[in-house]
Amino acid sequence: KSTCYFPSDKKMWSNLCNVIKKNGSLAGIQIACNNSAISMQRTII
C-alpha cells in the first residue's frame, strides 16, 4: 500500500531527480509490476 507508482505528481518526481543530479549522481528508477493475486509473504521462508 505504500509503494510509489506512475503516473503521479510530476513536480515531486522532478524535484527528486533534480536533487539527485545536483549532487552529482545519475538519477535511476526501478520500475516494477506485481500482477498476482498472491500477496508478498511476510515470513523469510
Full PDB file with SEQRES, HELIX, SHEET, SSBOND, CRYST1, ORIGX, SCALE, CONECT and MASTER records, all heavy atoms in Angstrom:
SEQRES   1 A   45  LYS SER THR CYS TYR PHE PRO SER ASP LYS LYS MET TRP          
SEQRES   2 A   45  SER ASN LEU CYS ASN VAL ILE LYS LYS ASN GLY SER LEU          
SEQRES   3 A   45  ALA GLY ILE GLN ILE ALA CYS ASN ASN SER ALA ILE SER          
SEQRES   4 A   45  MET GLN ARG THR ILE ILE                                      
HELIX    1 AA1 LYS A   10  ASN A   23  1                                  14    
CRYST1    1.000    1.000    1.000  90.00  90.00  90.00 P 1           1          
ORIGX1      1.000000  0.000000  0.000000        0.00000                         
ORIGX2      0.000000  1.000000  0.000000        0.00000                         
ORIGX3      0.000000  0.000000  1.000000        0.00000                         
SCALE1      1.000000  0.000000  0.000000        0.00000                         
SCALE2      0.000000  1.000000  0.000000        0.00000                         
SCALE3      0.000000  0.000000  1.000000        0.00000                         
ATOM      1  N   LYS A   1       0.795  -1.227   0.000  1.00  0.00           N  
ATOM      2  CA  LYS A   1       0.000   0.000   0.000  1.00  0.00           C  
ATOM      3  C   LYS A   1       0.826   1.276   0.000  1.00  0.00           C  
ATOM      4  O   LYS A   1       0.309   2.346  -0.329  1.00  0.00           O  
ATOM      5  CB  LYS A   1      -0.951  -0.010   1.204  1.00  0.00           C  
ATOM      6  CG  LYS A   1      -2.026  -1.077   1.120  1.00  0.00           C  
ATOM      7  CD  LYS A   1      -2.939  -1.033   2.334  1.00  0.00           C  
ATOM      8  CE  LYS A   1      -4.017  -2.110   2.248  1.00  0.00           C  
ATOM      9  NZ  LYS A   1      -4.909  -2.096   3.440  1.00  0.00           N  
ATOM     10  N   SER A   2       2.094   1.190   0.388  1.00  0.00           N  
ATOM     11  CA  SER A   2       2.911   2.404   0.451  1.00  0.00           C  
ATOM     12  C   SER A   2       3.928   2.475  -0.687  1.00  0.00           C  
ATOM     13  O   SER A   2       4.883   3.242  -0.626  1.00  0.00           O  
ATOM     14  CB  SER A   2       3.627   2.483   1.802  1.00  0.00           C  
ATOM     15  OG  SER A   2       4.394   1.321   2.047  1.00  0.00           O  
ATOM     16  N   THR A   3       3.724   1.695  -1.733  1.00  0.00           N  
ATOM     17  CA  THR A   3       4.613   1.709  -2.887  1.00  0.00           C  
ATOM     18  C   THR A   3       4.354   2.942  -3.747  1.00  0.00           C  
ATOM     19  O   THR A   3       3.198   3.310  -3.984  1.00  0.00           O  
ATOM     20  CB  THR A   3       4.395   0.440  -3.746  1.00  0.00           C  
ATOM     21  OG1 THR A   3       4.666  -0.711  -2.954  1.00  0.00           O  
ATOM     22  CG2 THR A   3       5.306   0.430  -4.952  1.00  0.00           C  
ATOM     23  N   CYS A   4       5.405   3.572  -4.236  1.00  0.00           N  
ATOM     24  CA  CYS A   4       5.253   4.643  -5.222  1.00  0.00           C  
ATOM     25  C   CYS A   4       4.776   4.050  -6.546  1.00  0.00           C  
ATOM     26  O   CYS A   4       5.038   2.882  -6.843  1.00  0.00           O  
ATOM     27  CB  CYS A   4       6.580   5.359  -5.451  1.00  0.00           C  
ATOM     28  SG  CYS A   4       7.130   6.422  -4.093  1.00  0.00           S  
ATOM     29  N   TYR A   5       4.093   4.864  -7.332  1.00  0.00           N  
ATOM     30  CA  TYR A   5       3.661   4.385  -8.641  1.00  0.00           C  
ATOM     31  C   TYR A   5       3.577   5.548  -9.625  1.00  0.00           C  
ATOM     32  O   TYR A   5       3.493   6.715  -9.254  1.00  0.00           O  
ATOM     33  CB  TYR A   5       2.317   3.647  -8.544  1.00  0.00           C  
ATOM     34  CG  TYR A   5       1.171   4.440  -7.954  1.00  0.00           C  
ATOM     35  CD1 TYR A   5       0.414   5.333  -8.725  1.00  0.00           C  
ATOM     36  CD2 TYR A   5       0.822   4.296  -6.609  1.00  0.00           C  
ATOM     37  CE1 TYR A   5      -0.634   6.052  -8.173  1.00  0.00           C  
ATOM     38  CE2 TYR A   5      -0.225   5.006  -6.048  1.00  0.00           C  
ATOM     39  CZ  TYR A   5      -0.948   5.880  -6.848  1.00  0.00           C  
ATOM     40  OH  TYR A   5      -1.992   6.598  -6.301  1.00  0.00           O  
ATOM     41  N   PHE A   6       3.604   5.181 -10.905  1.00  0.00           N  
ATOM     42  CA  PHE A   6       3.422   6.129 -12.013  1.00  0.00           C  
ATOM     43  C   PHE A   6       2.038   5.922 -12.613  1.00  0.00           C  
ATOM     44  O   PHE A   6       1.514   4.798 -12.572  1.00  0.00           O  
ATOM     45  CB  PHE A   6       4.470   5.865 -13.103  1.00  0.00           C  
ATOM     46  CG  PHE A   6       5.853   6.361 -12.809  1.00  0.00           C  
ATOM     47  CD1 PHE A   6       6.925   5.942 -13.598  1.00  0.00           C  
ATOM     48  CD2 PHE A   6       6.115   7.225 -11.768  1.00  0.00           C  
ATOM     49  CE1 PHE A   6       8.203   6.381 -13.356  1.00  0.00           C  
ATOM     50  CE2 PHE A   6       7.394   7.674 -11.519  1.00  0.00           C  
ATOM     51  CZ  PHE A   6       8.449   7.253 -12.326  1.00  0.00           C  
ATOM     52  N   PRO A   7       1.430   6.952 -13.214  1.00  0.00           N  
ATOM     53  CA  PRO A   7       1.849   8.344 -13.107  1.00  0.00           C  
ATOM     54  C   PRO A   7       1.351   8.934 -11.786  1.00  0.00           C  
ATOM     55  O   PRO A   7       0.322   8.511 -11.265  1.00  0.00           O  
ATOM     56  CB  PRO A   7       1.161   9.000 -14.300  1.00  0.00           C  
ATOM     57  CG  PRO A   7      -0.080   8.183 -14.501  1.00  0.00           C  
ATOM     58  CD  PRO A   7       0.281   6.775 -14.125  1.00  0.00           C  
ATOM     59  N   SER A   8       2.078   9.879 -11.266  1.00  0.00           N  
ATOM     60  CA  SER A   8       1.675  10.616 -10.066  1.00  0.00           C  
ATOM     61  C   SER A   8       2.370  11.974 -10.117  1.00  0.00           C  
ATOM     62  O   SER A   8       3.002  12.296 -11.129  1.00  0.00           O  
ATOM     63  CB  SER A   8       2.017   9.832  -8.787  1.00  0.00           C  
ATOM     64  OG  SER A   8       3.350   9.376  -8.795  1.00  0.00           O  
ATOM     65  N   ASP A   9       2.292  12.732  -9.080  1.00  0.00           N  
ATOM     66  CA  ASP A   9       2.717  14.139  -9.049  1.00  0.00           C  
ATOM     67  C   ASP A   9       4.058  14.391  -9.744  1.00  0.00           C  
ATOM     68  O   ASP A   9       5.123  14.074  -9.207  1.00  0.00           O  
ATOM     69  CB  ASP A   9       2.794  14.587  -7.589  1.00  0.00           C  
ATOM     70  CG  ASP A   9       2.920  16.100  -7.445  1.00  0.00           C  
ATOM     71  OD1 ASP A   9       3.522  16.736  -8.320  1.00  0.00           O  
ATOM     72  OD2 ASP A   9       2.428  16.627  -6.442  1.00  0.00           O  
ATOM     73  N   LYS A  10       4.001  14.974 -10.936  1.00  0.00           N  
ATOM     74  CA  LYS A  10       5.219  15.208 -11.732  1.00  0.00           C  
ATOM     75  C   LYS A  10       6.198  16.137 -11.020  1.00  0.00           C  
ATOM     76  O   LYS A  10       7.417  15.960 -11.118  1.00  0.00           O  
ATOM     77  CB  LYS A  10       4.858  15.793 -13.099  1.00  0.00           C  
ATOM     78  CG  LYS A  10       4.439  14.775 -14.132  1.00  0.00           C  
ATOM     79  CD  LYS A  10       4.346  15.417 -15.508  1.00  0.00           C  
ATOM     80  CE  LYS A  10       4.065  14.366 -16.574  1.00  0.00           C  
ATOM     81  NZ  LYS A  10       4.026  14.973 -17.933  1.00  0.00           N  
ATOM     82  N   LYS A  11       5.666  17.123 -10.334  1.00  0.00           N  
ATOM     83  CA  LYS A  11       6.544  18.087  -9.672  1.00  0.00           C  
ATOM     84  C   LYS A  11       7.411  17.403  -8.621  1.00  0.00           C  
ATOM     85  O   LYS A  11       8.622  17.665  -8.530  1.00  0.00           O  
ATOM     86  CB  LYS A  11       5.718  19.204  -9.033  1.00  0.00           C  
ATOM     87  CG  LYS A  11       6.575  20.274  -8.369  1.00  0.00           C  
ATOM     88  CD  LYS A  11       5.716  21.384  -7.774  1.00  0.00           C  
ATOM     89  CE  LYS A  11       6.590  22.432  -7.086  1.00  0.00           C  
ATOM     90  NZ  LYS A  11       5.753  23.512  -6.476  1.00  0.00           N  
ATOM     91  N   MET A  12       6.826  16.522  -7.831  1.00  0.00           N  
ATOM     92  CA  MET A  12       7.596  15.838  -6.793  1.00  0.00           C  
ATOM     93  C   MET A  12       8.643  14.897  -7.402  1.00  0.00           C  
ATOM     94  O   MET A  12       9.768  14.796  -6.892  1.00  0.00           O  
ATOM     95  CB  MET A  12       6.657  15.067  -5.866  1.00  0.00           C  
ATOM     96  CG  MET A  12       5.742  15.943  -5.028  1.00  0.00           C  
ATOM     97  SD  MET A  12       6.634  17.094  -3.954  1.00  0.00           S  
ATOM     98  CE  MET A  12       7.288  15.975  -2.709  1.00  0.00           C  
ATOM     99  N   TRP A  13       8.281  14.216  -8.481  1.00  0.00           N  
ATOM    100  CA  TRP A  13       9.261  13.350  -9.141  1.00  0.00           C  
ATOM    101  C   TRP A  13      10.403  14.178  -9.731  1.00  0.00           C  
ATOM    102  O   TRP A  13      11.580  13.794  -9.632  1.00  0.00           O  
ATOM    103  CB  TRP A  13       8.584  12.522 -10.235  1.00  0.00           C  
ATOM    104  CG  TRP A  13       7.772  11.376  -9.719  1.00  0.00           C  
ATOM    105  CD1 TRP A  13       6.413  11.235  -9.764  1.00  0.00           C  
ATOM    106  CD2 TRP A  13       8.274  10.206  -9.071  1.00  0.00           C  
ATOM    107  NE1 TRP A  13       6.034  10.053  -9.178  1.00  0.00           N  
ATOM    108  CE2 TRP A  13       7.159   9.395  -8.743  1.00  0.00           C  
ATOM    109  CE3 TRP A  13       9.546   9.752  -8.730  1.00  0.00           C  
ATOM    110  CZ2 TRP A  13       7.277   8.159  -8.101  1.00  0.00           C  
ATOM    111  CZ3 TRP A  13       9.675   8.522  -8.089  1.00  0.00           C  
ATOM    112  CH2 TRP A  13       8.553   7.743  -7.781  1.00  0.00           C  
ATOM    113  N   SER A  14      10.076  15.309 -10.338  1.00  0.00           N  
ATOM    114  CA  SER A  14      11.128  16.177 -10.893  1.00  0.00           C  
ATOM    115  C   SER A  14      12.033  16.717  -9.795  1.00  0.00           C  
ATOM    116  O   SER A  14      13.254  16.802  -9.962  1.00  0.00           O  
ATOM    117  CB  SER A  14      10.491  17.344 -11.665  1.00  0.00           C  
ATOM    118  OG  SER A  14       9.797  16.880 -12.800  1.00  0.00           O  
ATOM    119  N   ASN A  15      11.430  17.090  -8.661  1.00  0.00           N  
ATOM    120  CA  ASN A  15      12.233  17.570  -7.530  1.00  0.00           C  
ATOM    121  C   ASN A  15      13.214  16.493  -7.069  1.00  0.00           C  
ATOM    122  O   ASN A  15      14.373  16.782  -6.754  1.00  0.00           O  
ATOM    123  CB  ASN A  15      11.322  17.967  -6.369  1.00  0.00           C  
ATOM    124  CG  ASN A  15      10.542  19.234  -6.644  1.00  0.00           C  
ATOM    125  OD1 ASN A  15      10.824  19.957  -7.596  1.00  0.00           O  
ATOM    126  ND2 ASN A  15       9.525  19.506  -5.830  1.00  0.00           N  
ATOM    127  N   LEU A  16      12.737  15.248  -7.028  1.00  0.00           N  
ATOM    128  CA  LEU A  16      13.596  14.141  -6.616  1.00  0.00           C  
ATOM    129  C   LEU A  16      14.758  13.960  -7.587  1.00  0.00           C  
ATOM    130  O   LEU A  16      15.917  13.839  -7.173  1.00  0.00           O  
ATOM    131  CB  LEU A  16      12.772  12.853  -6.525  1.00  0.00           C  
ATOM    132  CG  LEU A  16      13.513  11.552  -6.222  1.00  0.00           C  
ATOM    133  CD1 LEU A  16      14.318  11.646  -4.933  1.00  0.00           C  
ATOM    134  CD2 LEU A  16      12.526  10.387  -6.135  1.00  0.00           C  
ATOM    135  N   CYS A  17      14.462  13.950  -8.888  1.00  0.00           N  
ATOM    136  CA  CYS A  17      15.523  13.819  -9.899  1.00  0.00           C  
ATOM    137  C   CYS A  17      16.534  14.955  -9.793  1.00  0.00           C  
ATOM    138  O   CYS A  17      17.748  14.732  -9.857  1.00  0.00           O  
ATOM    139  CB  CYS A  17      14.919  13.804 -11.306  1.00  0.00           C  
ATOM    140  SG  CYS A  17      14.016  12.319 -11.715  1.00  0.00           S  
ATOM    141  N   ASN A  18      16.030  16.169  -9.634  1.00  0.00           N  
ATOM    142  CA  ASN A  18      16.912  17.334  -9.595  1.00  0.00           C  
ATOM    143  C   ASN A  18      17.864  17.281  -8.404  1.00  0.00           C  
ATOM    144  O   ASN A  18      19.043  17.642  -8.528  1.00  0.00           O  
ATOM    145  CB  ASN A  18      16.080  18.618  -9.544  1.00  0.00           C  
ATOM    146  CG  ASN A  18      15.359  18.897 -10.850  1.00  0.00           C  
ATOM    147  OD1 ASN A  18      15.768  18.405 -11.901  1.00  0.00           O  
ATOM    148  ND2 ASN A  18      14.285  19.661 -10.788  1.00  0.00           N  
ATOM    149  N   VAL A  19      17.371  16.831  -7.258  1.00  0.00           N  
ATOM    150  CA  VAL A  19      18.209  16.731  -6.063  1.00  0.00           C  
ATOM    151  C   VAL A  19      19.331  15.715  -6.280  1.00  0.00           C  
ATOM    152  O   VAL A  19      20.502  15.968  -5.955  1.00  0.00           O  
ATOM    153  CB  VAL A  19      17.346  16.341  -4.841  1.00  0.00           C  
ATOM    154  CG1 VAL A  19      18.215  15.798  -3.707  1.00  0.00           C  
ATOM    155  CG2 VAL A  19      16.568  17.550  -4.343  1.00  0.00           C  
ATOM    156  N   ILE A  20      18.989  14.571  -6.844  1.00  0.00           N  
ATOM    157  CA  ILE A  20      19.986  13.529  -7.088  1.00  0.00           C  
ATOM    158  C   ILE A  20      21.058  14.020  -8.052  1.00  0.00           C  
ATOM    159  O   ILE A  20      22.263  13.868  -7.808  1.00  0.00           O  
ATOM    160  CB  ILE A  20      19.312  12.251  -7.637  1.00  0.00           C  
ATOM    161  CG1 ILE A  20      18.435  11.609  -6.555  1.00  0.00           C  
ATOM    162  CG2 ILE A  20      20.356  11.256  -8.142  1.00  0.00           C  
ATOM    163  CD1 ILE A  20      17.571  10.458  -7.063  1.00  0.00           C  
ATOM    164  N   LYS A  21      20.618  14.641  -9.145  1.00  0.00           N  
ATOM    165  CA  LYS A  21      21.567  15.056 -10.191  1.00  0.00           C  
ATOM    166  C   LYS A  21      22.379  16.276  -9.764  1.00  0.00           C  
ATOM    167  O   LYS A  21      23.559  16.402 -10.125  1.00  0.00           O  
ATOM    168  CB  LYS A  21      20.819  15.318 -11.488  1.00  0.00           C  
ATOM    169  CG  LYS A  21      20.223  14.025 -12.060  1.00  0.00           C  
ATOM    170  CD  LYS A  21      19.878  14.129 -13.530  1.00  0.00           C  
ATOM    171  CE  LYS A  21      18.552  14.759 -13.743  1.00  0.00           C  
ATOM    172  NZ  LYS A  21      18.111  14.600 -15.168  1.00  0.00           N  
ATOM    173  N   LYS A  22      21.784  17.147  -8.971  1.00  0.00           N  
ATOM    174  CA  LYS A  22      22.526  18.299  -8.456  1.00  0.00           C  
ATOM    175  C   LYS A  22      23.693  17.846  -7.586  1.00  0.00           C  
ATOM    176  O   LYS A  22      24.766  18.458  -7.572  1.00  0.00           O  
ATOM    177  CB  LYS A  22      21.586  19.215  -7.666  1.00  0.00           C  
ATOM    178  CG  LYS A  22      22.257  20.487  -7.157  1.00  0.00           C  
ATOM    179  CD  LYS A  22      21.261  21.365  -6.406  1.00  0.00           C  
ATOM    180  CE  LYS A  22      21.923  22.616  -5.869  1.00  0.00           C  
ATOM    181  NZ  LYS A  22      20.961  23.489  -5.114  1.00  0.00           N  
ATOM    182  N   ASN A  23      23.502  16.755  -6.865  1.00  0.00           N  
ATOM    183  CA  ASN A  23      24.569  16.213  -6.016  1.00  0.00           C  
ATOM    184  C   ASN A  23      25.681  15.551  -6.809  1.00  0.00           C  
ATOM    185  O   ASN A  23      26.777  15.349  -6.290  1.00  0.00           O  
ATOM    186  CB  ASN A  23      23.983  15.204  -5.028  1.00  0.00           C  
ATOM    187  CG  ASN A  23      23.494  15.873  -3.756  1.00  0.00           C  
ATOM    188  OD1 ASN A  23      23.617  17.078  -3.587  1.00  0.00           O  
ATOM    189  ND2 ASN A  23      22.926  15.091  -2.862  1.00  0.00           N  
ATOM    190  N   GLY A  24      25.393  15.140  -8.045  1.00  0.00           N  
ATOM    191  CA  GLY A  24      26.451  14.559  -8.873  1.00  0.00           C  
ATOM    192  C   GLY A  24      26.227  13.134  -9.321  1.00  0.00           C  
ATOM    193  O   GLY A  24      27.026  12.586 -10.087  1.00  0.00           O  
ATOM    194  N   SER A  25      25.144  12.483  -8.858  1.00  0.00           N  
ATOM    195  CA  SER A  25      24.817  11.128  -9.315  1.00  0.00           C  
ATOM    196  C   SER A  25      23.908  11.194 -10.536  1.00  0.00           C  
ATOM    197  O   SER A  25      23.273  12.219 -10.807  1.00  0.00           O  
ATOM    198  CB  SER A  25      24.086  10.344  -8.221  1.00  0.00           C  
ATOM    199  OG  SER A  25      24.852  10.209  -7.056  1.00  0.00           O  
ATOM    200  N   LEU A  26      23.800  10.085 -11.251  1.00  0.00           N  
ATOM    201  CA  LEU A  26      22.718   9.932 -12.205  1.00  0.00           C  
ATOM    202  C   LEU A  26      21.474   9.518 -11.437  1.00  0.00           C  
ATOM    203  O   LEU A  26      21.556   8.838 -10.409  1.00  0.00           O  
ATOM    204  CB  LEU A  26      23.046   8.866 -13.253  1.00  0.00           C  
ATOM    205  CG  LEU A  26      24.210   9.133 -14.216  1.00  0.00           C  
ATOM    206  CD1 LEU A  26      24.233   8.057 -15.299  1.00  0.00           C  
ATOM    207  CD2 LEU A  26      24.134  10.505 -14.839  1.00  0.00           C  
ATOM    208  N   ALA A  27      20.319   9.935 -11.933  1.00  0.00           N  
ATOM    209  CA  ALA A  27      19.053   9.573 -11.300  1.00  0.00           C  
ATOM    210  C   ALA A  27      18.505   8.317 -11.958  1.00  0.00           C  
ATOM    211  O   ALA A  27      18.214   8.307 -13.150  1.00  0.00           O  
ATOM    212  CB  ALA A  27      18.052  10.721 -11.419  1.00  0.00           C  
ATOM    213  N   GLY A  28      18.376   7.258 -11.167  1.00  0.00           N  
ATOM    214  CA  GLY A  28      17.861   5.999 -11.682  1.00  0.00           C  
ATOM    215  C   GLY A  28      16.539   5.638 -11.027  1.00  0.00           C  
ATOM    216  O   GLY A  28      16.277   6.023  -9.885  1.00  0.00           O  
ATOM    217  N   ILE A  29      15.734   4.902 -11.744  1.00  0.00           N  
ATOM    218  CA  ILE A  29      14.438   4.476 -11.216  1.00  0.00           C  
ATOM    219  C   ILE A  29      14.205   3.014 -11.554  1.00  0.00           C  
ATOM    220  O   ILE A  29      14.458   2.590 -12.667  1.00  0.00           O  
ATOM    221  CB  ILE A  29      13.292   5.342 -11.762  1.00  0.00           C  
ATOM    222  CG1 ILE A  29      11.936   4.957 -11.164  1.00  0.00           C  
ATOM    223  CG2 ILE A  29      13.183   5.278 -13.254  1.00  0.00           C  
ATOM    224  CD1 ILE A  29      11.286   6.039 -10.411  1.00  0.00           C  
ATOM    225  N   GLN A  30      13.782   2.258 -10.559  1.00  0.00           N  
ATOM    226  CA  GLN A  30      13.430   0.855 -10.764  1.00  0.00           C  
ATOM    227  C   GLN A  30      11.920   0.764 -10.956  1.00  0.00           C  
ATOM    228  O   GLN A  30      11.151   1.152 -10.081  1.00  0.00           O  
ATOM    229  CB  GLN A  30      13.854   0.012  -9.561  1.00  0.00           C  
ATOM    230  CG  GLN A  30      13.573  -1.474  -9.721  1.00  0.00           C  
ATOM    231  CD  GLN A  30      13.787  -2.231  -8.423  1.00  0.00           C  
ATOM    232  OE1 GLN A  30      13.127  -1.979  -7.424  1.00  0.00           O  
ATOM    233  NE2 GLN A  30      14.736  -3.162  -8.428  1.00  0.00           N  
ATOM    234  N   ILE A  31      11.498   0.262 -12.121  1.00  0.00           N  
ATOM    235  CA  ILE A  31      10.079   0.167 -12.445  1.00  0.00           C  
ATOM    236  C   ILE A  31       9.647  -1.286 -12.351  1.00  0.00           C  
ATOM    237  O   ILE A  31      10.288  -2.178 -12.908  1.00  0.00           O  
ATOM    238  CB  ILE A  31       9.788   0.748 -13.840  1.00  0.00           C  
ATOM    239  CG1 ILE A  31      10.168   2.233 -13.872  1.00  0.00           C  
ATOM    240  CG2 ILE A  31       8.325   0.582 -14.201  1.00  0.00           C  
ATOM    241  CD1 ILE A  31       9.952   2.892 -15.203  1.00  0.00           C  
ATOM    242  N   ALA A  32       8.536  -1.519 -11.640  1.00  0.00           N  
ATOM    243  CA  ALA A  32       8.132  -2.890 -11.323  1.00  0.00           C  
ATOM    244  C   ALA A  32       6.649  -3.104 -11.560  1.00  0.00           C  
ATOM    245  O   ALA A  32       5.867  -2.160 -11.681  1.00  0.00           O  
ATOM    246  CB  ALA A  32       8.471  -3.201  -9.860  1.00  0.00           C  
ATOM    247  N   CYS A  33       6.284  -4.385 -11.622  1.00  0.00           N  
ATOM    248  CA  CYS A  33       4.890  -4.768 -11.769  1.00  0.00           C  
ATOM    249  C   CYS A  33       4.612  -5.997 -10.925  1.00  0.00           C  
ATOM    250  O   CYS A  33       5.241  -7.046 -11.108  1.00  0.00           O  
ATOM    251  CB  CYS A  33       4.570  -5.074 -13.237  1.00  0.00           C  
ATOM    252  SG  CYS A  33       2.946  -5.831 -13.490  1.00  0.00           S  
ATOM    253  N   ASN A  34       3.674  -5.861  -9.984  1.00  0.00           N  
ATOM    254  CA  ASN A  34       3.207  -7.010  -9.218  1.00  0.00           C  
ATOM    255  C   ASN A  34       1.780  -7.295  -9.678  1.00  0.00           C  
ATOM    256  O   ASN A  34       0.847  -6.594  -9.321  1.00  0.00           O  
ATOM    257  CB  ASN A  34       3.234  -6.709  -7.719  1.00  0.00           C  
ATOM    258  CG  ASN A  34       2.759  -7.903  -6.899  1.00  0.00           C  
ATOM    259  OD1 ASN A  34       3.060  -9.041  -7.232  1.00  0.00           O  
ATOM    260  ND2 ASN A  34       2.019  -7.635  -5.838  1.00  0.00           N  
ATOM    261  N   ASN A  35       1.638  -8.303 -10.515  1.00  0.00           N  
ATOM    262  CA  ASN A  35       0.329  -8.596 -11.106  1.00  0.00           C  
ATOM    263  C   ASN A  35      -0.119 -10.000 -10.738  1.00  0.00           C  
ATOM    264  O   ASN A  35      -0.438 -10.826 -11.578  1.00  0.00           O  
ATOM    265  CB  ASN A  35       0.387  -8.459 -12.631  1.00  0.00           C  
ATOM    266  CG  ASN A  35      -0.995  -8.486 -13.249  1.00  0.00           C  
ATOM    267  OD1 ASN A  35      -1.812  -7.621 -12.948  1.00  0.00           O  
ATOM    268  ND2 ASN A  35      -1.278  -9.461 -14.106  1.00  0.00           N  
ATOM    269  N   SER A  36      -0.110 -10.297  -9.468  1.00  0.00           N  
ATOM    270  CA  SER A  36      -0.513 -11.616  -9.000  1.00  0.00           C  
ATOM    271  C   SER A  36      -1.475 -11.460  -7.835  1.00  0.00           C  
ATOM    272  O   SER A  36      -1.333 -10.544  -7.015  1.00  0.00           O  
ATOM    273  CB  SER A  36       0.702 -12.434  -8.547  1.00  0.00           C  
ATOM    274  OG  SER A  36       0.316 -13.609  -7.885  1.00  0.00           O  
ATOM    275  N   ALA A  37      -2.447 -12.354  -7.775  1.00  0.00           N  
ATOM    276  CA  ALA A  37      -3.402 -12.326  -6.663  1.00  0.00           C  
ATOM    277  C   ALA A  37      -2.770 -12.803  -5.368  1.00  0.00           C  
ATOM    278  O   ALA A  37      -3.313 -12.597  -4.284  1.00  0.00           O  
ATOM    279  CB  ALA A  37      -4.606 -13.202  -6.998  1.00  0.00           C  
ATOM    280  N   ILE A  38      -1.588 -13.432  -5.470  1.00  0.00           N  
ATOM    281  CA  ILE A  38      -0.877 -13.914  -4.290  1.00  0.00           C  
ATOM    282  C   ILE A  38      -0.036 -12.771  -3.736  1.00  0.00           C  
ATOM    283  O   ILE A  38       0.871 -12.275  -4.407  1.00  0.00           O  
ATOM    284  CB  ILE A  38       0.013 -15.121  -4.633  1.00  0.00           C  
ATOM    285  CG1 ILE A  38      -0.838 -16.254  -5.211  1.00  0.00           C  
ATOM    286  CG2 ILE A  38       0.770 -15.600  -3.398  1.00  0.00           C  
ATOM    287  CD1 ILE A  38      -0.040 -17.439  -5.697  1.00  0.00           C  
ATOM    288  N   SER A  39      -0.315 -12.327  -2.536  1.00  0.00           N  
ATOM    289  CA  SER A  39       0.402 -11.187  -1.957  1.00  0.00           C  
ATOM    290  C   SER A  39       1.802 -11.598  -1.517  1.00  0.00           C  
ATOM    291  O   SER A  39       2.095 -12.779  -1.333  1.00  0.00           O  
ATOM    292  CB  SER A  39      -0.371 -10.626  -0.763  1.00  0.00           C  
ATOM    293  OG  SER A  39      -0.518 -11.614   0.240  1.00  0.00           O  
ATOM    294  N   MET A  40       2.661 -10.585  -1.351  1.00  0.00           N  
ATOM    295  CA  MET A  40       4.019 -10.829  -0.890  1.00  0.00           C  
ATOM    296  C   MET A  40       3.975 -11.337   0.554  1.00  0.00           C  
ATOM    297  O   MET A  40       3.344 -10.726   1.420  1.00  0.00           O  
ATOM    298  CB  MET A  40       4.855  -9.549  -0.961  1.00  0.00           C  
ATOM    299  CG  MET A  40       5.048  -9.025  -2.370  1.00  0.00           C  
ATOM    300  SD  MET A  40       6.086 -10.107  -3.357  1.00  0.00           S  
ATOM    301  CE  MET A  40       6.203  -9.153  -4.883  1.00  0.00           C  
ATOM    302  N   GLN A  41       4.626 -12.446   0.803  1.00  0.00           N  
ATOM    303  CA  GLN A  41       4.597 -13.033   2.145  1.00  0.00           C  
ATOM    304  C   GLN A  41       5.454 -12.233   3.113  1.00  0.00           C  
ATOM    305  O   GLN A  41       6.388 -11.546   2.714  1.00  0.00           O  
ATOM    306  CB  GLN A  41       5.100 -14.480   2.098  1.00  0.00           C  
ATOM    307  CG  GLN A  41       6.598 -14.594   1.849  1.00  0.00           C  
ATOM    308  CD  GLN A  41       7.060 -16.033   1.747  1.00  0.00           C  
ATOM    309  OE1 GLN A  41       6.360 -16.877   1.240  1.00  0.00           O  
ATOM    310  NE2 GLN A  41       8.261 -16.311   2.237  1.00  0.00           N  
ATOM    311  N   ARG A  42       5.142 -12.337   4.386  1.00  0.00           N  
ATOM    312  CA  ARG A  42       5.893 -11.624   5.407  1.00  0.00           C  
ATOM    313  C   ARG A  42       6.996 -12.478   6.025  1.00  0.00           C  
ATOM    314  O   ARG A  42       7.961 -11.952   6.571  1.00  0.00           O  
ATOM    315  CB  ARG A  42       4.936 -11.127   6.498  1.00  0.00           C  
ATOM    316  CG  ARG A  42       3.930 -10.110   5.972  1.00  0.00           C  
ATOM    317  CD  ARG A  42       3.121  -9.489   7.098  1.00  0.00           C  
ATOM    318  NE  ARG A  42       2.072  -8.626   6.602  1.00  0.00           N  
ATOM    319  CZ  ARG A  42       2.246  -7.348   6.255  1.00  0.00           C  
ATOM    320  NH1 ARG A  42       3.436  -6.802   6.343  1.00  0.00           N  
ATOM    321  NH2 ARG A  42       1.230  -6.628   5.806  1.00  0.00           N  
ATOM    322  N   THR A  43       6.871 -13.800   5.946  1.00  0.00           N  
ATOM    323  CA  THR A  43       7.897 -14.674   6.515  1.00  0.00           C  
ATOM    324  C   THR A  43       9.123 -14.738   5.612  1.00  0.00           C  
ATOM    325  O   THR A  43       9.035 -14.494   4.409  1.00  0.00           O  
ATOM    326  CB  THR A  43       7.342 -16.098   6.716  1.00  0.00           C  
ATOM    327  OG1 THR A  43       6.880 -16.601   5.457  1.00  0.00           O  
ATOM    328  CG2 THR A  43       6.197 -16.096   7.701  1.00  0.00           C  
ATOM    329  N   ILE A  44      10.277 -15.085   6.189  1.00  0.00           N  
ATOM    330  CA  ILE A  44      11.511 -15.170   5.419  1.00  0.00           C  
ATOM    331  C   ILE A  44      11.482 -16.363   4.461  1.00  0.00           C  
ATOM    332  O   ILE A  44      11.848 -16.253   3.292  1.00  0.00           O  
ATOM    333  CB  ILE A  44      12.732 -15.286   6.366  1.00  0.00           C  
ATOM    334  CG1 ILE A  44      12.841 -14.039   7.252  1.00  0.00           C  
ATOM    335  CG2 ILE A  44      14.023 -15.467   5.571  1.00  0.00           C  
ATOM    336  CD1 ILE A  44      13.066 -12.749   6.493  1.00  0.00           C  
ATOM    337  N   ILE A  45      11.028 -17.514   4.947  1.00  0.00           N  
ATOM    338  CA  ILE A  45      10.965 -18.722   4.133  1.00  0.00           C  
ATOM    339  C   ILE A  45       9.513 -19.193   4.031  1.00  0.00           C  
ATOM    340  O   ILE A  45       8.786 -19.216   5.023  1.00  0.00           O  
ATOM    341  CB  ILE A  45      11.847 -19.840   4.728  1.00  0.00           C  
ATOM    342  CG1 ILE A  45      13.318 -19.398   4.717  1.00  0.00           C  
ATOM    343  CG2 ILE A  45      11.686 -21.148   3.959  1.00  0.00           C  
ATOM    344  CD1 ILE A  45      14.266 -20.389   5.354  1.00  0.00           C  
TER     345      ILE A  45                                                      
MASTER        0    0    0    1    0    0    0    6  344    1    0    4          
END                                                                             
